[in-house]
């Protein structure tokens, strides 16, 4: 123990920065021999830890905390941009069955869909086995008449007598589409 004589050890332990530091502990080792300093203790830099509480922001009388929502102005409340019109909200109940006709390069597809449940009520297509083998052409005017007649029969069997057709943007009701719709009307389907 003679080599530890005359040295002073200081130990500082911090639990966290938010609590004040405990007082430093000092250890002294005295002996009659020469004093020897620890080289590893002198190699550490001196750290000063301060655990002061952060200052609280001062609020004056003029400041206020704005709520997450505020009252809308009169013009903003009148617009209501996300609200659907009465027709948009009631159309699926007033006209529940929707006719969908699609013309591909090789076939004609037509179906009646219930809007509320998105269930297919009936389908007629020239791609079916019985029509594919019996018709000479699957996309001509005669095929359009056959698809319209078959769709009218199947929809009446499913107790659907009125359907709605909404043309797509820039779609004209003429040509093959007009033939399908006219054939449906001739066979007792009402368009609403």
Protein backbone atom coordinates (compact mmCIF):
# COMPACT_ATOMS: atom_id res chain seq x y z
CA UNK A 1 0.00 0.00 0.00
CA UNK A 2 3.00 2.25 -0.03
CA UNK A 3 2.58 3.12 -3.67
CA UNK A 4 -0.92 4.57 -3.01
CA UNK A 5 0.17 6.98 -0.33
CA UNK A 6 -0.69 10.67 -0.59
CA UNK A 7 -3.20 10.29 -3.41
CA UNK A 8 -6.69 11.60 -3.40
CA UNK A 9 -9.47 9.83 -5.26
CA UNK A 10 -12.63 11.64 -6.12
CA UNK A 11 -15.70 9.76 -7.35
CA UNK A 12 -18.76 11.51 -8.80
CA UNK A 13 -21.89 9.53 -9.51
CA UNK A 14 -24.86 10.99 -11.38
CA UNK A 15 -28.20 9.20 -11.33
CA UNK A 16 -29.68 11.44 -14.00
CA UNK A 17 -29.24 14.96 -15.25
CA UNK A 18 -32.58 16.10 -13.85
CA UNK A 19 -31.59 15.43 -10.22
CA UNK A 20 -28.95 17.42 -8.39
CA UNK A 21 -25.52 15.84 -8.09
CA UNK A 22 -24.53 14.16 -4.85
CA UNK A 23 -21.49 15.54 -3.09
CA UNK A 24 -18.16 14.18 -4.29
CA UNK A 25 -16.59 11.45 -2.17
CA UNK A 26 -12.95 11.77 -1.33
CA UNK A 27 -10.60 8.97 -0.45
CA UNK A 28 -7.16 9.65 0.99
CA UNK A 29 -4.45 7.14 1.37
CA UNK A 30 -1.56 8.33 3.53
CA UNK A 31 1.65 6.55 4.08
CA UNK A 32 5.15 7.53 5.06
CA UNK A 33 6.54 6.86 1.59
CA UNK A 34 6.61 9.19 -1.41
CA UNK A 35 3.31 10.25 -3.03
CA UNK A 36 2.42 8.65 -6.35
CA UNK A 37 -0.35 10.00 -8.62
CA UNK A 38 -2.64 7.83 -10.68
CA UNK A 39 -2.01 8.29 -14.37
CA UNK A 40 -5.48 7.07 -15.44
CA UNK A 41 -7.25 9.55 -13.15
CA UNK A 42 -5.33 12.49 -14.55
CA UNK A 43 -6.06 11.38 -18.14
CA UNK A 44 -9.84 11.96 -17.80
CA UNK A 45 -11.06 15.46 -18.63
CA UNK A 46 -12.81 17.38 -15.94
CA UNK A 47 -16.56 17.29 -16.49
CA UNK A 48 -18.95 19.70 -14.93
CA UNK A 49 -22.49 18.32 -14.72
CA UNK A 50 -25.25 20.78 -14.00
CA UNK A 51 -28.74 19.54 -13.38
CA UNK A 52 -30.77 22.71 -13.58
CA UNK A 53 -34.46 22.54 -14.33
CA UNK A 54 -35.38 23.99 -17.72
CA UNK A 55 -37.02 27.40 -17.47
CA UNK A 56 -40.80 27.43 -17.80
CA UNK A 57 -42.14 29.60 -20.60
CA UNK A 58 -43.82 32.67 -19.27
CA UNK A 59 -47.28 33.39 -20.64
CA UNK A 60 -48.49 36.89 -20.74
CA UNK A 61 -52.12 37.88 -20.45
CA UNK A 62 -52.35 38.48 -24.22
CA UNK A 63 -51.28 35.01 -25.28
CA UNK A 64 -53.78 32.19 -25.78
CA UNK A 65 -53.66 28.60 -26.94
CA UNK A 66 -55.54 28.10 -30.20
CA UNK A 67 -57.85 25.10 -30.35
CA UNK A 68 -57.39 22.34 -32.91
CA UNK A 69 -60.63 23.36 -34.60
CA UNK A 70 -62.04 26.80 -35.01
CA UNK A 71 -65.38 28.20 -36.07
CA UNK A 72 -65.70 28.47 -39.81
CA UNK A 73 -66.62 31.67 -41.54
CA UNK A 74 -70.04 32.01 -43.12
CA UNK A 75 -68.80 31.51 -46.65
CA UNK A 76 -66.78 28.45 -45.72
CA UNK A 77 -69.70 26.81 -43.90
CA UNK A 78 -72.02 27.40 -46.86
CA UNK A 79 -69.75 25.65 -49.36
CA UNK A 80 -69.44 22.19 -47.75
CA UNK A 81 -67.26 20.80 -50.54
CA UNK A 82 -67.41 17.12 -49.53
CA UNK A 83 -71.18 16.80 -49.27
CA UNK A 84 -72.94 14.94 -52.08
CA UNK A 85 -76.06 16.30 -53.69
CA UNK A 86 -79.52 14.86 -53.04
CA UNK A 87 -79.50 13.09 -56.40
CA UNK A 88 -76.12 11.52 -55.76
CA UNK A 89 -77.25 10.25 -52.37
CA UNK A 90 -80.62 8.85 -53.48
CA UNK A 91 -79.88 7.70 -57.03
CA UNK A 92 -78.75 4.22 -56.03
CA UNK A 93 -82.11 3.64 -54.29
CA UNK A 94 -84.30 5.25 -56.95
CA UNK A 95 -82.57 3.38 -59.80
CA UNK A 96 -81.10 0.28 -58.16
CA UNK A 97 -80.31 -1.77 -61.29
CA UNK A 98 -77.61 -0.61 -63.65
CA UNK A 99 -76.90 -1.93 -67.14
CA UNK A 100 -73.27 -2.39 -68.09
CA UNK A 101 -72.34 -3.09 -71.73
CA UNK A 102 -68.78 -3.72 -72.87
CA UNK A 103 -67.51 -4.28 -76.41
CA UNK A 104 -64.14 -5.95 -76.83
CA UNK A 105 -62.46 -6.69 -80.14
CA UNK A 106 -63.77 -10.27 -80.11
CA UNK A 107 -66.89 -10.35 -77.88
CA UNK A 108 -69.87 -8.41 -76.52
CA UNK A 109 -70.53 -8.48 -72.77
CA UNK A 110 -73.67 -7.13 -71.07
CA UNK A 111 -74.79 -7.44 -67.47
CA UNK A 112 -77.29 -5.99 -64.99
CA UNK A 113 -75.82 -5.07 -61.60
CA UNK A 114 -77.56 -4.10 -58.35
CA UNK A 115 -76.00 -0.82 -57.23
CA UNK A 116 -76.46 -1.14 -53.49
CA UNK A 117 -74.91 -4.59 -53.13
CA UNK A 118 -72.83 -4.67 -56.36
CA UNK A 119 -74.23 -8.12 -57.13
CA UNK A 120 -74.58 -9.23 -60.72
CA UNK A 121 -78.23 -10.05 -61.46
CA UNK A 122 -77.83 -11.48 -64.96
CA UNK A 123 -75.21 -11.73 -67.70
CA UNK A 124 -75.28 -12.22 -71.45
CA UNK A 125 -72.14 -12.52 -73.55
CA UNK A 126 -71.18 -13.82 -76.97
CA UNK A 127 -68.27 -15.61 -75.31
CA UNK A 128 -70.67 -18.21 -73.85
CA UNK A 129 -70.34 -21.71 -75.33
CA UNK A 130 -73.83 -21.85 -76.82
CA UNK A 131 -73.53 -18.45 -78.56
CA UNK A 132 -69.88 -18.79 -79.55
CA UNK A 133 -70.54 -21.90 -81.60
CA UNK A 134 -73.93 -20.87 -83.05
CA UNK A 135 -73.30 -17.27 -84.19
CA UNK A 136 -71.34 -16.62 -87.40
CA UNK A 137 -69.86 -13.37 -86.01
CA UNK A 138 -69.55 -12.50 -82.33
CA UNK A 139 -69.41 -8.70 -82.73
CA UNK A 140 -71.80 -7.77 -85.53
CA UNK A 141 -75.31 -6.25 -85.33
CA UNK A 142 -77.01 -9.67 -85.23
CA UNK A 143 -74.89 -10.63 -82.18
CA UNK A 144 -75.95 -7.37 -80.48
CA UNK A 145 -79.63 -8.28 -80.99
CA UNK A 146 -79.08 -11.78 -79.60
CA UNK A 147 -77.28 -10.43 -76.51
CA UNK A 148 -80.03 -7.85 -75.89
CA UNK A 149 -82.82 -10.45 -76.21
CA UNK A 150 -81.02 -12.93 -73.95
CA UNK A 151 -80.30 -10.27 -71.30
CA UNK A 152 -83.96 -9.15 -71.32
CA UNK A 153 -85.18 -12.73 -70.78
CA UNK A 154 -82.73 -13.39 -67.93
CA UNK A 155 -83.46 -10.10 -66.15
CA UNK A 156 -87.23 -10.76 -66.30
CA UNK A 157 -86.64 -14.21 -64.81
CA UNK A 158 -84.83 -12.42 -61.94
CA UNK A 159 -87.85 -10.03 -61.52
CA UNK A 160 -85.98 -6.99 -62.83
CA UNK A 161 -88.14 -5.01 -65.25
CA UNK A 162 -86.50 -1.57 -65.08
CA UNK A 163 -82.80 -0.79 -65.50
CA UNK A 164 -80.77 2.38 -65.81
CA UNK A 165 -77.97 3.00 -68.27
CA UNK A 166 -75.41 5.72 -67.64
CA UNK A 167 -73.25 6.37 -70.69
CA UNK A 168 -69.57 6.95 -70.11
CA UNK A 169 -67.95 10.26 -70.84
CA UNK A 170 -68.05 11.11 -74.56
CA UNK A 171 -70.05 7.95 -75.32
CA UNK A 172 -72.83 8.15 -77.88
CA UNK A 173 -75.81 5.84 -77.86
CA UNK A 174 -75.59 4.67 -81.43
CA UNK A 175 -74.28 1.77 -83.46
CA UNK A 176 -73.89 -1.53 -81.64
CA UNK A 177 -74.70 0.02 -78.24
CA UNK A 178 -77.91 1.49 -79.63
CA UNK A 179 -78.92 -1.91 -81.04
CA UNK A 180 -78.43 -3.60 -77.64
CA UNK A 181 -80.49 -0.92 -75.85
CA UNK A 182 -83.26 -0.97 -78.47
CA UNK A 183 -83.51 -4.75 -78.28
CA UNK A 184 -83.86 -4.56 -74.49
CA UNK A 185 -86.70 -2.01 -74.87
CA UNK A 186 -88.45 -4.18 -77.47
CA UNK A 187 -88.36 -7.17 -75.17
CA UNK A 188 -90.08 -5.41 -72.24
CA UNK A 189 -87.27 -3.76 -70.22
CA UNK A 190 -88.01 -0.20 -69.11
CA UNK A 191 -85.17 2.34 -68.97
CA UNK A 192 -85.38 4.79 -66.07
